[in-house]
Structures are given as C-alpha cells and as structure tokens.
Amino acid sequence: MVAETRLSLGVQDAARGLAADARSLDALKASAGRDPKAALKETARQFEALFMRELLKSMREATMKSGLMDNEGTDMGTELLDEQWALKMSGLPGGLSEMIERQLQQQIDPAARRAAASPAAVAPAAAASDGAAPNGVVPTPTPAQAAFVARHRDVALQVQRETGIPAAFMIGQAAHETGWGRSEIRAADGSNSHNLFGIKATAGWRGKVAEVLTTEYVDGQPRKVVQRFRAYDSYADAFRDYARLITQSPRYQAAARSVHSAQAYAQQLQQAGYATDPQYAAKLSRVINTTLQLQRALG
C-alpha cells in the first residue's frame, strides 16, 4: 500500500510538468504576468503534451494486454511513463505546439490576427510549410486524425521502403479519400473493401469489386453516380496496389517524380486525372501537411 501511494505521488509529480495541479497552474499564471510571450509558448506546449498523453492513452487502450503482469501498480507505472513520453514529445520544432501558439497569439492579439490574414503573410507561410492551406493556416490535428495515422503508419512505412513514395503522402491521401476513416468504401453486404484510396475497378481489374454511390464532378458541378471500386483483403494490399498504380502507370509518372514536395505531388495527381474535383490538389496537400505534422509528433 505504501509503495502504491508513493508511485501515485510520483504520477502526480510528473503530471505537474503538464500543469495538472493548482500550484503549477498558479505558476503558469504568474509567469504570464512577467513574460506573456514565454507563457504563451509554455501554454501551447502544455496543450500539445496533454494531446499526446491522451493519444498514448487511447493507443494503449486499443492494445490487448497479456494479463500476466497487469495490476494497479503496473497501470500507475504505465501512466507515469506516458506522462514522461508526452513531455518529451512536446515542444519540438515544427510540432503541434508551434501551430497552437500561433493560433493562441491570433486570438489574443488583434494585430497578429490581421497580420496572419494579410496577403503579405501568406507567401512566407506557404513556403515554410509545404502543402499548407492556401492561406497558410493548418488546422490543429484531432485525436481521431492522430489515431488514423498511427493505425496505418507501419504498413505505409513498409511500402515507402519498397517504392519510395513517402508514407505521409500515402496516409494523407487515404485520409482525404475516406474522411480520416469515417467514410470507407463498403460492398453491398456491408463488408469493408479496404480501398482507402478510391481506386476504381477499370476493365483490366480482375479482383473483387464494390459498387457504391459517389460524387463526381462533371463540368465543374458535383453529381451523384454509381461507380465500381476495387476491393482488397487488407489495408496492406490497398497500400501496395496504390503504390503500384503511382509508380508503374505512365499516367502518374510525373507524380512519382514529384515526391520531394507534397504540393507538387498533389498537383500532378490532379493534372493526371486522379480525381474530378477541381480543388483536389489544394485539399489533398492540406491533409498531407496535417499528416506530416502528426508523423513528426509521433516520432
């Protein structure tokens, strides 16, 4: 009991690095009065650390336990470890905390908000963050988006090693095509097609097929039509088939040569006719940029 109490106190002490108690919050408020800019940066880091802690928690809850060594003591130890990992992964250059800091600054400083919205500020922002939104603003990723990246990361990295297509580009396109996994293509019987990339079943396709009602753009106008899509046995099969399509089809050779830039890659896919949406490249590059941010945060 004494050992568990000490471990519980250790967890609380670690949580103070996340401003999880009144004393730490008071210290953060006091620093805001002395140095508002430093306090804003620390607040953003706190938000990122809390986000990372919840992400780690959700990932552990989704992992089956062996049951051999599981008890209240190991749960506390795991919580303490997650606290430390969350702190280690927060505040890194190019991470979520920088985006949070910019958004907080714009909310409390009207001058910063006007500067972020001005045309002069757009070009540097886009140049500094390839694949960002047209106005240079990248939405803060959500836990559901982070979970989607974590779910497909391993197979995407394996296909990247096999083909050279960046894992973040593939996951980003899968996220865009499925709404971060909310709208995956399903067969008439409800089974999952595992088709994350919206690849259609053309005349040469000899595998399984799923027919669904989807949106296509005709003369720039959206229309609902029934299309035949490829169906796979697993997500790994979908990633590999997508990589084969990009690297082996003459239609997408320009995209395969543009993997140095998310924006260029998305633009080449649109020009090759990957999708009929006239805003496809802009939308895809934004999602890829979010995926890159999450990939850096996950390490």
C-alpha atoms as a PDB file:
ATOM      1  CA  MET A   1       0.000   0.000   0.000  1.00  0.00           C
ATOM      2  CA  VAL A   2       2.849   2.354   0.880  1.00  0.00           C
ATOM      3  CA  ALA A   3       4.619   1.545  -2.399  1.00  0.00           C
ATOM      4  CA  GLU A   4       1.434   2.206  -4.371  1.00  0.00           C
ATOM      5  CA  THR A   5       0.915   5.510  -2.551  1.00  0.00           C
ATOM      6  CA  ARG A   6       4.461   6.607  -3.362  1.00  0.00           C
ATOM      7  CA  LEU A   7       4.001   5.623  -7.000  1.00  0.00           C
ATOM      8  CA  SER A   8       0.724   7.540  -7.105  1.00  0.00           C
ATOM      9  CA  LEU A   9       2.507  10.617  -5.755  1.00  0.00           C
ATOM     10  CA  GLY A  10       5.154  10.113  -8.418  1.00  0.00           C
ATOM     11  CA  VAL A  11       2.481  10.188 -11.077  1.00  0.00           C
ATOM     12  CA  GLN A  12       1.124  13.401  -9.598  1.00  0.00           C
ATOM     13  CA  ASP A  13       4.591  14.929  -9.537  1.00  0.00           C
ATOM     14  CA  ALA A  14       5.109  14.025 -13.203  1.00  0.00           C
ATOM     15  CA  ALA A  15       1.708  15.492 -14.017  1.00  0.00           C
ATOM     16  CA  ARG A  16       2.898  18.807 -12.634  1.00  0.00           C
ATOM     17  CA  GLY A  17       5.004  19.053 -15.750  1.00  0.00           C
ATOM     18  CA  LEU A  18       1.637  19.194 -17.528  1.00  0.00           C
ATOM     19  CA  ALA A  19       0.284  21.887 -15.158  1.00  0.00           C
ATOM     20  CA  ALA A  20      -2.209  19.350 -13.877  1.00  0.00           C
ATOM     21  CA  ASP A  21      -2.426  20.757 -10.317  1.00  0.00           C
ATOM     22  CA  ALA A  22      -3.368  24.154  -8.870  1.00  0.00           C
ATOM     23  CA  ARG A  23       0.192  25.048  -7.909  1.00  0.00           C
ATOM     24  CA  SER A  24       1.505  24.552 -11.437  1.00  0.00           C
ATOM     25  CA  LEU A  25      -1.416  26.482 -12.891  1.00  0.00           C
ATOM     26  CA  ASP A  26      -0.746  29.354 -10.485  1.00  0.00           C
ATOM     27  CA  ALA A  27       2.917  29.338 -11.533  1.00  0.00           C
ATOM     28  CA  LEU A  28       1.901  29.476 -15.193  1.00  0.00           C
ATOM     29  CA  LYS A  29      -0.440  32.410 -14.484  1.00  0.00           C
ATOM     30  CA  ALA A  30       2.336  34.226 -12.607  1.00  0.00           C
ATOM     31  CA  SER A  31       4.770  33.762 -15.492  1.00  0.00           C
ATOM     32  CA  ALA A  32       2.147  35.180 -17.868  1.00  0.00           C
ATOM     33  CA  GLY A  33       2.291  38.438 -15.922  1.00  0.00           C
ATOM     34  CA  ARG A  34       6.084  38.580 -16.081  1.00  0.00           C
ATOM     35  CA  ASP A  35       6.684  37.354 -19.620  1.00  0.00           C
ATOM     36  CA  PRO A  36       3.496  36.922 -21.704  1.00  0.00           C
ATOM     37  CA  LYS A  37       5.348  35.646 -24.780  1.00  0.00           C
ATOM     38  CA  ALA A  38       7.156  32.895 -22.854  1.00  0.00           C
ATOM     39  CA  ALA A  39       3.932  31.983 -21.048  1.00  0.00           C
ATOM     40  CA  LEU A  40       2.104  31.683 -24.381  1.00  0.00           C
ATOM     41  CA  LYS A  41       4.775  29.303 -25.663  1.00  0.00           C
ATOM     42  CA  GLU A  42       4.560  27.229 -22.478  1.00  0.00           C
ATOM     43  CA  THR A  43       0.759  27.129 -22.656  1.00  0.00           C
ATOM     44  CA  ALA A  44       0.958  25.829 -26.224  1.00  0.00           C
ATOM     45  CA  ARG A  45       3.438  23.172 -25.088  1.00  0.00           C
ATOM     46  CA  GLN A  46       1.039  22.187 -22.306  1.00  0.00           C
ATOM     47  CA  PHE A  47      -1.798  21.752 -24.797  1.00  0.00           C
ATOM     48  CA  GLU A  48       0.390  19.605 -27.033  1.00  0.00           C
ATOM     49  CA  ALA A  49       1.601  17.493 -24.102  1.00  0.00           C
ATOM     50  CA  LEU A  50      -1.973  16.890 -22.947  1.00  0.00           C
ATOM     51  CA  PHE A  51      -2.937  15.925 -26.508  1.00  0.00           C
ATOM     52  CA  MET A  52      -0.021  13.497 -26.738  1.00  0.00           C
ATOM     53  CA  ARG A  53      -0.897  11.998 -23.349  1.00  0.00           C
ATOM     54  CA  GLU A  54      -4.477  11.322 -24.462  1.00  0.00           C
ATOM     55  CA  LEU A  55      -3.206   9.894 -27.746  1.00  0.00           C
ATOM     56  CA  LEU A  56      -0.869   7.492 -25.937  1.00  0.00           C
ATOM     57  CA  LYS A  57      -3.667   6.547 -23.565  1.00  0.00           C
ATOM     58  CA  SER A  58      -6.077   5.757 -26.411  1.00  0.00           C
ATOM     59  CA  MET A  59      -3.415   3.731 -28.217  1.00  0.00           C
ATOM     60  CA  ARG A  60      -2.720   1.666 -25.098  1.00  0.00           C
ATOM     61  CA  GLU A  61      -6.430   1.074 -24.535  1.00  0.00           C
ATOM     62  CA  ALA A  62      -6.677  -0.255 -28.093  1.00  0.00           C
ATOM     63  CA  THR A  63      -3.843  -2.738 -27.421  1.00  0.00           C
ATOM     64  CA  MET A  64      -4.668  -6.100 -25.887  1.00  0.00           C
ATOM     65  CA  LYS A  65      -2.991  -6.848 -22.547  1.00  0.00           C
ATOM     66  CA  SER A  66      -1.407 -10.182 -21.719  1.00  0.00           C
ATOM     67  CA  GLY A  67      -2.844 -10.250 -18.190  1.00  0.00           C
ATOM     68  CA  LEU A  68       0.286 -11.831 -16.747  1.00  0.00           C
ATOM     69  CA  MET A  69       1.760  -8.727 -15.110  1.00  0.00           C
ATOM     70  CA  ASP A  70      -1.244  -6.401 -15.125  1.00  0.00           C
ATOM     71  CA  ASN A  71      -2.229  -4.822 -11.803  1.00  0.00           C
ATOM     72  CA  GLU A  72      -2.803  -1.401 -10.262  1.00  0.00           C
ATOM     73  CA  GLY A  73       0.933  -0.903  -9.804  1.00  0.00           C
ATOM     74  CA  THR A  74       1.785  -1.538 -13.454  1.00  0.00           C
ATOM     75  CA  ASP A  75      -1.114   0.694 -14.529  1.00  0.00           C
ATOM     76  CA  MET A  76       0.333   3.524 -12.452  1.00  0.00           C
ATOM     77  CA  GLY A  77       3.778   2.874 -13.879  1.00  0.00           C
ATOM     78  CA  THR A  78       2.402   2.959 -17.401  1.00  0.00           C
ATOM     79  CA  GLU A  79       0.617   6.222 -16.636  1.00  0.00           C
ATOM     80  CA  LEU A  80       3.865   7.710 -15.329  1.00  0.00           C
ATOM     81  CA  LEU A  81       5.714   6.530 -18.440  1.00  0.00           C
ATOM     82  CA  ASP A  82       3.075   8.052 -20.718  1.00  0.00           C
ATOM     83  CA  GLU A  83       3.397  11.357 -18.853  1.00  0.00           C
ATOM     84  CA  GLN A  84       7.129  11.383 -19.487  1.00  0.00           C
ATOM     85  CA  TRP A  85       6.745  10.462 -23.158  1.00  0.00           C
ATOM     86  CA  ALA A  86       4.146  13.193 -23.612  1.00  0.00           C
ATOM     87  CA  LEU A  87       6.533  15.758 -22.158  1.00  0.00           C
ATOM     88  CA  LYS A  88       9.423  14.501 -24.291  1.00  0.00           C
ATOM     89  CA  MET A  89       7.401  14.680 -27.499  1.00  0.00           C
ATOM     90  CA  SER A  90       6.013  18.164 -26.901  1.00  0.00           C
ATOM     91  CA  GLY A  91       7.627  21.471 -27.753  1.00  0.00           C
ATOM     92  CA  LEU A  92       9.672  20.098 -30.683  1.00  0.00           C
ATOM     93  CA  PRO A  93      10.413  22.363 -33.680  1.00  0.00           C
ATOM     94  CA  GLY A  94       7.678  22.046 -36.284  1.00  0.00           C
ATOM     95  CA  GLY A  95       5.375  20.267 -33.845  1.00  0.00           C
ATOM     96  CA  LEU A  96       1.797  20.908 -32.817  1.00  0.00           C
ATOM     97  CA  SER A  97       2.769  23.408 -30.132  1.00  0.00           C
ATOM     98  CA  GLU A  98       4.003  25.893 -32.747  1.00  0.00           C
ATOM     99  CA  MET A  99       0.641  25.807 -34.531  1.00  0.00           C
ATOM    100  CA  ILE A 100      -1.221  26.132 -31.229  1.00  0.00           C
ATOM    101  CA  GLU A 101       0.983  29.056 -30.211  1.00  0.00           C
ATOM    102  CA  ARG A 102       0.235  30.884 -33.475  1.00  0.00           C
ATOM    103  CA  GLN A 103      -3.495  30.339 -33.088  1.00  0.00           C
ATOM    104  CA  LEU A 104      -3.474  31.497 -29.463  1.00  0.00           C
ATOM    105  CA  GLN A 105      -1.474  34.580 -30.425  1.00  0.00           C
ATOM    106  CA  GLN A 106      -4.016  35.443 -33.116  1.00  0.00           C
ATOM    107  CA  GLN A 107      -6.887  35.077 -30.645  1.00  0.00           C
ATOM    108  CA  ILE A 108      -5.404  37.416 -28.024  1.00  0.00           C
ATOM    109  CA  ASP A 109      -3.603  39.873 -30.322  1.00  0.00           C
ATOM    110  CA  PRO A 110      -5.713  41.627 -32.996  1.00  0.00           C
ATOM    111  CA  ALA A 111      -2.550  42.867 -34.732  1.00  0.00           C
ATOM    112  CA  ALA A 112      -1.238  39.305 -35.082  1.00  0.00           C
ATOM    113  CA  ARG A 113      -4.616  38.202 -36.415  1.00  0.00           C
ATOM    114  CA  ARG A 114      -4.598  40.917 -39.058  1.00  0.00           C
ATOM    115  CA  ALA A 115      -1.000  40.087 -39.998  1.00  0.00           C
ATOM    116  CA  ALA A 116      -1.816  36.377 -40.410  1.00  0.00           C
ATOM    117  CA  ALA A 117      -4.743  37.247 -42.676  1.00  0.00           C
ATOM    118  CA  SER A 118      -2.839  39.729 -44.826  1.00  0.00           C
ATOM    119  CA  PRO A 119      -1.656  38.668 -48.329  1.00  0.00           C
ATOM    120  CA  ALA A 120       1.936  39.529 -47.410  1.00  0.00           C
ATOM    121  CA  ALA A 121       1.921  36.889 -44.677  1.00  0.00           C
ATOM    122  CA  VAL A 122       0.534  34.141 -46.874  1.00  0.00           C
ATOM    123  CA  ALA A 123       3.513  33.564 -49.158  1.00  0.00           C
ATOM    124  CA  PRO A 124       6.127  33.034 -46.375  1.00  0.00           C
ATOM    125  CA  ALA A 125       3.775  30.714 -44.503  1.00  0.00           C
ATOM    126  CA  ALA A 126       3.152  28.581 -47.571  1.00  0.00           C
ATOM    127  CA  ALA A 127       6.845  28.484 -48.424  1.00  0.00           C
ATOM    128  CA  ALA A 128       7.818  27.464 -44.909  1.00  0.00           C
ATOM    129  CA  SER A 129       5.280  24.636 -44.729  1.00  0.00           C
ATOM    130  CA  ASP A 130       4.947  22.751 -47.980  1.00  0.00           C
ATOM    131  CA  GLY A 131       1.421  21.570 -48.603  1.00  0.00           C
ATOM    132  CA  ALA A 132      -0.192  24.067 -46.231  1.00  0.00           C
ATOM    133  CA  ALA A 133      -3.586  25.558 -46.838  1.00  0.00           C
ATOM    134  CA  PRO A 134      -3.817  28.378 -49.402  1.00  0.00           C
ATOM    135  CA  ASN A 135      -3.997  30.960 -46.584  1.00  0.00           C
ATOM    136  CA  GLY A 136      -1.091  29.397 -44.706  1.00  0.00           C
ATOM    137  CA  VAL A 137      -3.291  28.110 -41.846  1.00  0.00           C
ATOM    138  CA  VAL A 138      -3.128  24.431 -40.890  1.00  0.00           C
ATOM    139  CA  PRO A 139      -5.902  23.215 -38.560  1.00  0.00           C
ATOM    140  CA  THR A 140      -4.754  21.629 -35.310  1.00  0.00           C
ATOM    141  CA  PRO A 141      -4.958  17.829 -35.731  1.00  0.00           C
ATOM    142  CA  THR A 142      -7.581  15.940 -33.717  1.00  0.00           C
ATOM    143  CA  PRO A 143      -7.137  12.709 -31.708  1.00  0.00           C
ATOM    144  CA  ALA A 144      -9.142  10.860 -34.382  1.00  0.00           C
ATOM    145  CA  GLN A 145      -6.713  12.057 -37.057  1.00  0.00           C
ATOM    146  CA  ALA A 146      -3.748  11.035 -34.917  1.00  0.00           C
ATOM    147  CA  ALA A 147      -5.301   7.603 -34.407  1.00  0.00           C
ATOM    148  CA  PHE A 148      -5.785   7.211 -38.178  1.00  0.00           C
ATOM    149  CA  VAL A 149      -2.096   7.999 -38.796  1.00  0.00           C
ATOM    150  CA  ALA A 150      -0.984   5.632 -36.027  1.00  0.00           C
ATOM    151  CA  ARG A 151      -3.211   2.853 -37.399  1.00  0.00           C
ATOM    152  CA  HIS A 152      -1.739   2.888 -40.912  1.00  0.00           C
ATOM    153  CA  ARG A 153       1.769   4.110 -40.167  1.00  0.00           C
ATOM    154  CA  ASP A 154       3.604   0.762 -40.073  1.00  0.00           C
ATOM    155  CA  VAL A 155       2.325  -0.558 -43.399  1.00  0.00           C
ATOM    156  CA  ALA A 156       2.805   2.856 -45.028  1.00  0.00           C
ATOM    157  CA  LEU A 157       6.428   2.962 -43.891  1.00  0.00           C
ATOM    158  CA  GLN A 158       6.971  -0.548 -45.244  1.00  0.00           C
ATOM    159  CA  VAL A 159       5.527   0.417 -48.647  1.00  0.00           C
ATOM    160  CA  GLN A 160       7.652   3.572 -48.572  1.00  0.00           C
ATOM    161  CA  ARG A 161      10.758   1.415 -48.208  1.00  0.00           C
ATOM    162  CA  GLU A 162       9.588  -0.747 -51.111  1.00  0.00           C
ATOM    163  CA  THR A 163       8.568   2.026 -53.531  1.00  0.00           C
ATOM    164  CA  GLY A 164       9.985   5.365 -52.363  1.00  0.00           C
ATOM    165  CA  ILE A 165       6.575   7.055 -52.026  1.00  0.00           C
ATOM    166  CA  PRO A 166       6.552   8.943 -48.694  1.00  0.00           C
ATOM    167  CA  ALA A 167       4.389   7.289 -46.056  1.00  0.00           C
ATOM    168  CA  ALA A 168       2.841  10.638 -45.130  1.00  0.00           C
ATOM    169  CA  PHE A 169       1.758  11.193 -48.749  1.00  0.00           C
ATOM    170  CA  MET A 170       0.000   7.827 -48.870  1.00  0.00           C
ATOM    171  CA  ILE A 171      -1.624   8.160 -45.449  1.00  0.00           C
ATOM    172  CA  GLY A 172      -2.638  11.715 -46.298  1.00  0.00           C
ATOM    173  CA  GLN A 173      -4.348  10.617 -49.492  1.00  0.00           C
ATOM    174  CA  ALA A 174      -6.051   7.739 -47.671  1.00  0.00           C
ATOM    175  CA  ALA A 175      -7.243  10.223 -45.047  1.00  0.00           C
ATOM    176  CA  HIS A 176      -8.566  12.617 -47.684  1.00  0.00           C
ATOM    177  CA  GLU A 177     -10.359   9.908 -49.663  1.00  0.00           C
ATOM    178  CA  THR A 178     -12.038   8.398 -46.585  1.00  0.00           C
ATOM    179  CA  GLY A 179     -12.558  11.466 -44.389  1.00  0.00           C
ATOM    180  CA  TRP A 180      -9.924  10.178 -41.927  1.00  0.00           C
ATOM    181  CA  GLY A 181     -11.529   6.743 -41.966  1.00  0.00           C
ATOM    182  CA  ARG A 182     -15.122   7.874 -41.429  1.00  0.00           C
ATOM    183  CA  SER A 183     -16.319   7.049 -44.975  1.00  0.00           C
ATOM    184  CA  GLU A 184     -14.557   3.921 -46.156  1.00  0.00           C
ATOM    185  CA  ILE A 185     -15.911   2.172 -49.241  1.00  0.00           C
ATOM    186  CA  ARG A 186     -18.108  -0.809 -48.379  1.00  0.00           C
ATOM    187  CA  ALA A 187     -19.647  -3.535 -50.516  1.00  0.00           C
ATOM    188  CA  ALA A 188     -23.391  -4.061 -50.843  1.00  0.00           C
ATOM    189  CA  ASP A 189     -23.306  -6.593 -47.966  1.00  0.00           C
ATOM    190  CA  GLY A 190     -21.602  -4.044 -45.693  1.00  0.00           C
ATOM    191  CA  SER A 191     -18.168  -5.642 -45.794  1.00  0.00           C
ATOM    192  CA  ASN A 192     -15.134  -3.364 -45.890  1.00  0.00           C
ATOM    193  CA  SER A 193     -13.427  -3.085 -49.275  1.00  0.00           C
ATOM    194  CA  HIS A 194     -10.227  -1.810 -47.555  1.00  0.00           C
ATOM    195  CA  ASN A 195      -9.971   0.577 -50.523  1.00  0.00           C
ATOM    196  CA  LEU A 196      -8.570   3.668 -48.777  1.00  0.00           C
ATOM    197  CA  PHE A 197      -7.602   5.444 -51.992  1.00  0.00           C
ATOM    198  CA  GLY A 198     -10.800   5.470 -54.035  1.00  0.00           C
ATOM    199  CA  ILE A 199      -9.199   3.428 -56.830  1.00  0.00           C
ATOM    200  CA  LYS A 200     -11.809   2.469 -59.402  1.00  0.00           C
ATOM    201  CA  ALA A 201     -12.175  -1.001 -60.885  1.00  0.00           C
ATOM    202  CA  THR A 202     -11.416  -0.473 -64.575  1.00  0.00           C
ATOM    203  CA  ALA A 203     -11.807  -3.072 -67.317  1.00  0.00           C
ATOM    204  CA  GLY A 204      -8.406  -4.599 -66.566  1.00  0.00           C
ATOM    205  CA  TRP A 205      -9.141  -5.227 -62.884  1.00  0.00           C
ATOM    206  CA  ARG A 206      -9.611  -8.941 -62.068  1.00  0.00           C
ATOM    207  CA  GLY A 207     -10.121  -8.697 -58.320  1.00  0.00           C
ATOM    208  CA  LYS A 208     -13.156  -8.107 -56.121  1.00  0.00           C
ATOM    209  CA  VAL A 209     -15.378  -5.083 -56.708  1.00  0.00           C
ATOM    210  CA  ALA A 210     -17.553  -2.808 -54.580  1.00  0.00           C
ATOM    211  CA  GLU A 211     -20.236  -0.687 -56.269  1.00  0.00           C
ATOM    212  CA  VAL A 212     -21.182   2.488 -54.401  1.00  0.00           C
ATOM    213  CA  LEU A 213     -22.866   5.832 -54.943  1.00  0.00           C
ATOM    214  CA  THR A 214     -20.218   8.545 -55.036  1.00  0.00           C
ATOM    215  CA  THR A 215     -19.736  12.183 -56.060  1.00  0.00           C
ATOM    216  CA  GLU A 216     -18.097  13.015 -59.376  1.00  0.00           C
ATOM    217  CA  TYR A 217     -17.562  16.441 -60.905  1.00  0.00           C
ATOM    218  CA  VAL A 218     -18.888  16.934 -64.439  1.00  0.00           C
ATOM    219  CA  ASP A 219     -18.092  20.323 -65.999  1.00  0.00           C
ATOM    220  CA  GLY A 220     -17.176  21.522 -62.522  1.00  0.00           C
ATOM    221  CA  GLN A 221     -20.518  20.518 -60.986  1.00  0.00           C
ATOM    222  CA  PRO A 222     -20.903  17.698 -58.406  1.00  0.00           C
ATOM    223  CA  ARG A 223     -23.130  14.790 -59.401  1.00  0.00           C
ATOM    224  CA  LYS A 224     -24.037  11.522 -57.694  1.00  0.00           C
ATOM    225  CA  VAL A 225     -23.189   8.440 -59.756  1.00  0.00           C
ATOM    226  CA  VAL A 226     -22.684   4.730 -59.121  1.00  0.00           C
ATOM    227  CA  GLN A 227     -19.049   3.651 -59.560  1.00  0.00           C
ATOM    228  CA  ARG A 228     -17.197   0.339 -59.338  1.00  0.00           C
ATOM    229  CA  PHE A 229     -14.232   0.348 -56.945  1.00  0.00           C
ATOM    230  CA  ARG A 230     -11.518  -2.187 -56.283  1.00  0.00           C
ATOM    231  CA  ALA A 231     -11.857  -4.303 -53.129  1.00  0.00           C
ATOM    232  CA  TYR A 232      -8.959  -5.815 -51.174  1.00  0.00           C
ATOM    233  CA  ASP A 233      -8.460  -8.384 -48.446  1.00  0.00           C
ATOM    234  CA  SER A 234      -6.483  -5.980 -46.234  1.00  0.00           C
ATOM    235  CA  TYR A 235      -5.291  -2.403 -45.897  1.00  0.00           C
ATOM    236  CA  ALA A 236      -1.765  -3.588 -46.688  1.00  0.00           C
ATOM    237  CA  ASP A 237      -2.992  -4.838 -50.081  1.00  0.00           C
ATOM    238  CA  ALA A 238      -4.598  -1.438 -50.705  1.00  0.00           C
ATOM    239  CA  PHE A 239      -1.402   0.471 -49.913  1.00  0.00           C
ATOM    240  CA  ARG A 240       0.679  -1.763 -52.198  1.00  0.00           C
ATOM    241  CA  ASP A 241      -1.808  -1.568 -55.058  1.00  0.00           C
ATOM    242  CA  TYR A 242      -1.880   2.225 -54.758  1.00  0.00           C
ATOM    243  CA  ALA A 243       1.927   2.343 -54.828  1.00  0.00           C
ATOM    244  CA  ARG A 244       1.990   0.114 -57.921  1.00  0.00           C
ATOM    245  CA  LEU A 245      -0.512   2.398 -59.631  1.00  0.00           C
ATOM    246  CA  ILE A 246       1.566   5.519 -58.944  1.00  0.00           C
ATOM    247  CA  THR A 247       4.962   4.044 -59.767  1.00  0.00           C
ATOM    248  CA  GLN A 248       4.053   1.800 -62.729  1.00  0.00           C
ATOM    249  CA  SER A 249       1.260   3.599 -64.570  1.00  0.00           C
ATOM    250  CA  PRO A 250       2.535   6.019 -67.262  1.00  0.00           C
ATOM    251  CA  ARG A 251      -0.354   8.266 -66.315  1.00  0.00           C
ATOM    252  CA  TYR A 252       1.162   9.040 -62.902  1.00  0.00           C
ATOM    253  CA  GLN A 253       4.871   9.141 -63.722  1.00  0.00           C
ATOM    254  CA  ALA A 254       5.009  12.914 -63.161  1.00  0.00           C
ATOM    255  CA  ALA A 255       3.537  12.432 -59.679  1.00  0.00           C
ATOM    256  CA  ALA A 256       6.015   9.646 -58.894  1.00  0.00           C
ATOM    257  CA  ARG A 257       8.835  12.091 -59.747  1.00  0.00           C
ATOM    258  CA  SER A 258       7.365  14.808 -57.510  1.00  0.00           C
ATOM    259  CA  VAL A 259       7.644  13.124 -54.101  1.00  0.00           C
ATOM    260  CA  HIS A 260      10.012  15.890 -52.942  1.00  0.00           C
ATOM    261  CA  SER A 261       7.020  18.187 -52.451  1.00  0.00           C
ATOM    262  CA  ALA A 262       3.544  17.468 -51.096  1.00  0.00           C
ATOM    263  CA  GLN A 263       2.073  20.353 -53.054  1.00  0.00           C
ATOM    264  CA  ALA A 264       3.727  19.286 -56.321  1.00  0.00           C
ATOM    265  CA  TYR A 265       2.696  15.655 -55.761  1.00  0.00           C
ATOM    266  CA  ALA A 266      -0.945  16.618 -55.203  1.00  0.00           C
ATOM    267  CA  GLN A 267      -0.906  18.940 -58.223  1.00  0.00           C
ATOM    268  CA  GLN A 268       0.481  16.236 -60.508  1.00  0.00           C
ATOM    269  CA  LEU A 269      -2.168  13.775 -59.324  1.00  0.00           C
ATOM    270  CA  GLN A 270      -4.904  16.265 -60.161  1.00  0.00           C
ATOM    271  CA  GLN A 271      -3.422  17.024 -63.577  1.00  0.00           C
ATOM    272  CA  ALA A 272      -3.240  13.296 -64.309  1.00  0.00           C
ATOM    273  CA  GLY A 273      -6.951  12.997 -63.549  1.00  0.00           C
ATOM    274  CA  TYR A 274      -6.785  11.038 -60.296  1.00  0.00           C
ATOM    275  CA  ALA A 275      -9.994  12.806 -59.202  1.00  0.00           C
ATOM    276  CA  THR A 276     -12.548  15.039 -60.876  1.00  0.00           C
ATOM    277  CA  ASP A 277     -12.778  17.577 -58.038  1.00  0.00           C
ATOM    278  CA  PRO A 278     -11.286  20.850 -59.376  1.00  0.00           C
ATOM    279  CA  GLN A 279      -9.982  21.657 -55.848  1.00  0.00           C
ATOM    280  CA  TYR A 280      -8.475  18.207 -55.326  1.00  0.00           C
ATOM    281  CA  ALA A 281      -4.818  19.292 -55.210  1.00  0.00           C
ATOM    282  CA  ALA A 282      -5.428  22.064 -52.667  1.00  0.00           C
ATOM    283  CA  LYS A 283      -7.499  19.808 -50.410  1.00  0.00           C
ATOM    284  CA  LEU A 284      -5.078  16.883 -50.641  1.00  0.00           C
ATOM    285  CA  SER A 285      -1.979  18.992 -49.922  1.00  0.00           C
ATOM    286  CA  ARG A 286      -3.630  20.352 -46.760  1.00  0.00           C
ATOM    287  CA  VAL A 287      -4.377  16.849 -45.500  1.00  0.00           C
ATOM    288  CA  ILE A 288      -0.854  15.648 -46.328  1.00  0.00           C
ATOM    289  CA  ASN A 289       0.541  18.585 -44.385  1.00  0.00           C
ATOM    290  CA  THR A 290      -1.543  17.605 -41.347  1.00  0.00           C
ATOM    291  CA  THR A 291      -0.297  14.031 -41.707  1.00  0.00           C
ATOM    292  CA  LEU A 292       3.302  15.255 -41.804  1.00  0.00           C
ATOM    293  CA  GLN A 293       2.728  17.201 -38.578  1.00  0.00           C
ATOM    294  CA  LEU A 294       1.286  14.112 -36.878  1.00  0.00           C
ATOM    295  CA  GLN A 295       4.058  11.880 -38.169  1.00  0.00           C
ATOM    296  CA  ARG A 296       6.673  14.212 -36.667  1.00  0.00           C
ATOM    297  CA  ALA A 297       4.775  14.309 -33.371  1.00  0.00           C
ATOM    298  CA  LEU A 298       4.544  10.505 -33.213  1.00  0.00           C
ATOM    299  CA  GLY A 299       8.275  10.240 -33.909  1.00  0.00           C
END
